[in-house]
């Protein structure tokens, strides 16, 4: 039997992931909390996380963070 997540549960998963991702940015890049949130919220990774069809909200924070790290690395090279 498969249980479907409610929209509220999905939003909670997204919110929890966002908090963890911001924490990773603070730890790894020494951003202030405000900078970390700004970087996260303006990223393509966050945009994908908000799109329910990607299912990214259901993945581990480390997995999602790897996308964000790659995105930041690409941006720093450009």
C-alpha atoms as a PDB file:
ATOM      1  CA  UNK A   1       0.000   0.000   0.000  1.00  0.00           C
ATOM      2  CA  UNK A   2       1.365   3.390  -1.009  1.00  0.00           C
ATOM      3  CA  UNK A   3       0.663   6.474   1.018  1.00  0.00           C
ATOM      4  CA  UNK A   4       0.694   9.865  -0.637  1.00  0.00           C
ATOM      5  CA  UNK A   5       2.179  12.837   1.091  1.00  0.00           C
ATOM      6  CA  UNK A   6      -0.084  15.797   1.679  1.00  0.00           C
ATOM      7  CA  UNK A   7       0.924  19.203   0.320  1.00  0.00           C
ATOM      8  CA  UNK A   8       1.663  20.264   3.907  1.00  0.00           C
ATOM      9  CA  UNK A   9       3.998  17.295   4.417  1.00  0.00           C
ATOM     10  CA  UNK A  10       5.792  18.042   1.147  1.00  0.00           C
ATOM     11  CA  UNK A  11       6.237  21.682   2.174  1.00  0.00           C
ATOM     12  CA  UNK A  12       7.626  20.578   5.538  1.00  0.00           C
ATOM     13  CA  UNK A  13      10.182  18.356   3.775  1.00  0.00           C
ATOM     14  CA  UNK A  14      11.187  21.272   1.548  1.00  0.00           C
ATOM     15  CA  UNK A  15      11.481  23.607   4.533  1.00  0.00           C
ATOM     16  CA  UNK A  16      13.591  21.131   6.505  1.00  0.00           C
ATOM     17  CA  UNK A  17      15.878  20.582   3.525  1.00  0.00           C
ATOM     18  CA  UNK A  18      16.249  24.327   3.057  1.00  0.00           C
ATOM     19  CA  UNK A  19      17.328  24.772   6.680  1.00  0.00           C
ATOM     20  CA  UNK A  20      19.893  21.990   6.315  1.00  0.00           C
ATOM     21  CA  UNK A  21      21.203  23.370   3.015  1.00  0.00           C
ATOM     22  CA  UNK A  22      21.613  26.853   4.507  1.00  0.00           C
ATOM     23  CA  UNK A  23      23.487  25.284   7.422  1.00  0.00           C
ATOM     24  CA  UNK A  24      25.851  23.521   5.022  1.00  0.00           C
ATOM     25  CA  UNK A  25      26.514  26.811   3.242  1.00  0.00           C
ATOM     26  CA  UNK A  26      27.283  28.512   6.559  1.00  0.00           C
ATOM     27  CA  UNK A  27      29.655  25.717   7.578  1.00  0.00           C
ATOM     28  CA  UNK A  28      31.402  25.170   4.241  1.00  0.00           C
ATOM     29  CA  UNK A  29      31.482  28.668   2.761  1.00  0.00           C
ATOM     30  CA  UNK A  30      31.433  30.701   6.001  1.00  0.00           C
ATOM     31  CA  UNK A  31      28.400  32.663   4.867  1.00  0.00           C
ATOM     32  CA  UNK A  32      26.337  34.581   7.367  1.00  0.00           C
ATOM     33  CA  UNK A  33      22.849  33.129   7.810  1.00  0.00           C
ATOM     34  CA  UNK A  34      21.453  35.948   5.663  1.00  0.00           C
ATOM     35  CA  UNK A  35      23.987  35.304   2.892  1.00  0.00           C
ATOM     36  CA  UNK A  36      23.327  31.560   3.003  1.00  0.00           C
ATOM     37  CA  UNK A  37      19.589  32.051   2.646  1.00  0.00           C
ATOM     38  CA  UNK A  38      20.115  34.526  -0.203  1.00  0.00           C
ATOM     39  CA  UNK A  39      22.449  32.158  -2.056  1.00  0.00           C
ATOM     40  CA  UNK A  40      20.079  29.245  -1.537  1.00  0.00           C
ATOM     41  CA  UNK A  41      16.872  31.080  -2.486  1.00  0.00           C
ATOM     42  CA  UNK A  42      18.381  32.473  -5.691  1.00  0.00           C
ATOM     43  CA  UNK A  43      19.838  29.144  -6.827  1.00  0.00           C
ATOM     44  CA  UNK A  44      18.637  26.827  -9.570  1.00  0.00           C
ATOM     45  CA  UNK A  45      18.812  24.026  -7.017  1.00  0.00           C
ATOM     46  CA  UNK A  46      16.230  25.765  -4.825  1.00  0.00           C
ATOM     47  CA  UNK A  47      14.030  26.322  -7.860  1.00  0.00           C
ATOM     48  CA  UNK A  48      14.190  22.600  -8.632  1.00  0.00           C
ATOM     49  CA  UNK A  49      13.517  21.757  -4.976  1.00  0.00           C
ATOM     50  CA  UNK A  50      10.320  23.823  -5.105  1.00  0.00           C
ATOM     51  CA  UNK A  51       9.128  21.970  -8.228  1.00  0.00           C
ATOM     52  CA  UNK A  52       7.217  18.953  -6.901  1.00  0.00           C
ATOM     53  CA  UNK A  53       7.637  17.069 -10.159  1.00  0.00           C
ATOM     54  CA  UNK A  54      11.398  16.695  -9.562  1.00  0.00           C
ATOM     55  CA  UNK A  55      10.865  14.782  -6.319  1.00  0.00           C
ATOM     56  CA  UNK A  56      14.011  16.472  -5.014  1.00  0.00           C
ATOM     57  CA  UNK A  57      12.248  17.216  -1.723  1.00  0.00           C
ATOM     58  CA  UNK A  58      12.259  13.472  -1.056  1.00  0.00           C
ATOM     59  CA  UNK A  59      16.058  13.116  -1.330  1.00  0.00           C
ATOM     60  CA  UNK A  60      18.695  13.416   1.378  1.00  0.00           C
ATOM     61  CA  UNK A  61      20.106  16.816   2.218  1.00  0.00           C
ATOM     62  CA  UNK A  62      23.592  15.648   1.215  1.00  0.00           C
ATOM     63  CA  UNK A  63      22.355  14.618  -2.216  1.00  0.00           C
ATOM     64  CA  UNK A  64      20.569  17.926  -2.803  1.00  0.00           C
ATOM     65  CA  UNK A  65      23.575  19.831  -1.445  1.00  0.00           C
ATOM     66  CA  UNK A  66      25.808  18.183  -4.043  1.00  0.00           C
ATOM     67  CA  UNK A  67      23.676  19.848  -6.741  1.00  0.00           C
ATOM     68  CA  UNK A  68      24.024  23.199  -5.006  1.00  0.00           C
ATOM     69  CA  UNK A  69      27.790  22.802  -4.646  1.00  0.00           C
ATOM     70  CA  UNK A  70      28.128  21.984  -8.339  1.00  0.00           C
ATOM     71  CA  UNK A  71      26.015  24.994  -9.209  1.00  0.00           C
ATOM     72  CA  UNK A  72      28.162  27.282  -7.035  1.00  0.00           C
ATOM     73  CA  UNK A  73      31.334  25.827  -8.523  1.00  0.00           C
ATOM     74  CA  UNK A  74      30.070  26.460 -12.063  1.00  0.00           C
ATOM     75  CA  UNK A  75      29.159  30.036 -11.110  1.00  0.00           C
ATOM     76  CA  UNK A  76      32.589  30.746  -9.647  1.00  0.00           C
ATOM     77  CA  UNK A  77      34.315  29.521 -12.824  1.00  0.00           C
ATOM     78  CA  UNK A  78      32.133  31.616 -15.119  1.00  0.00           C
END
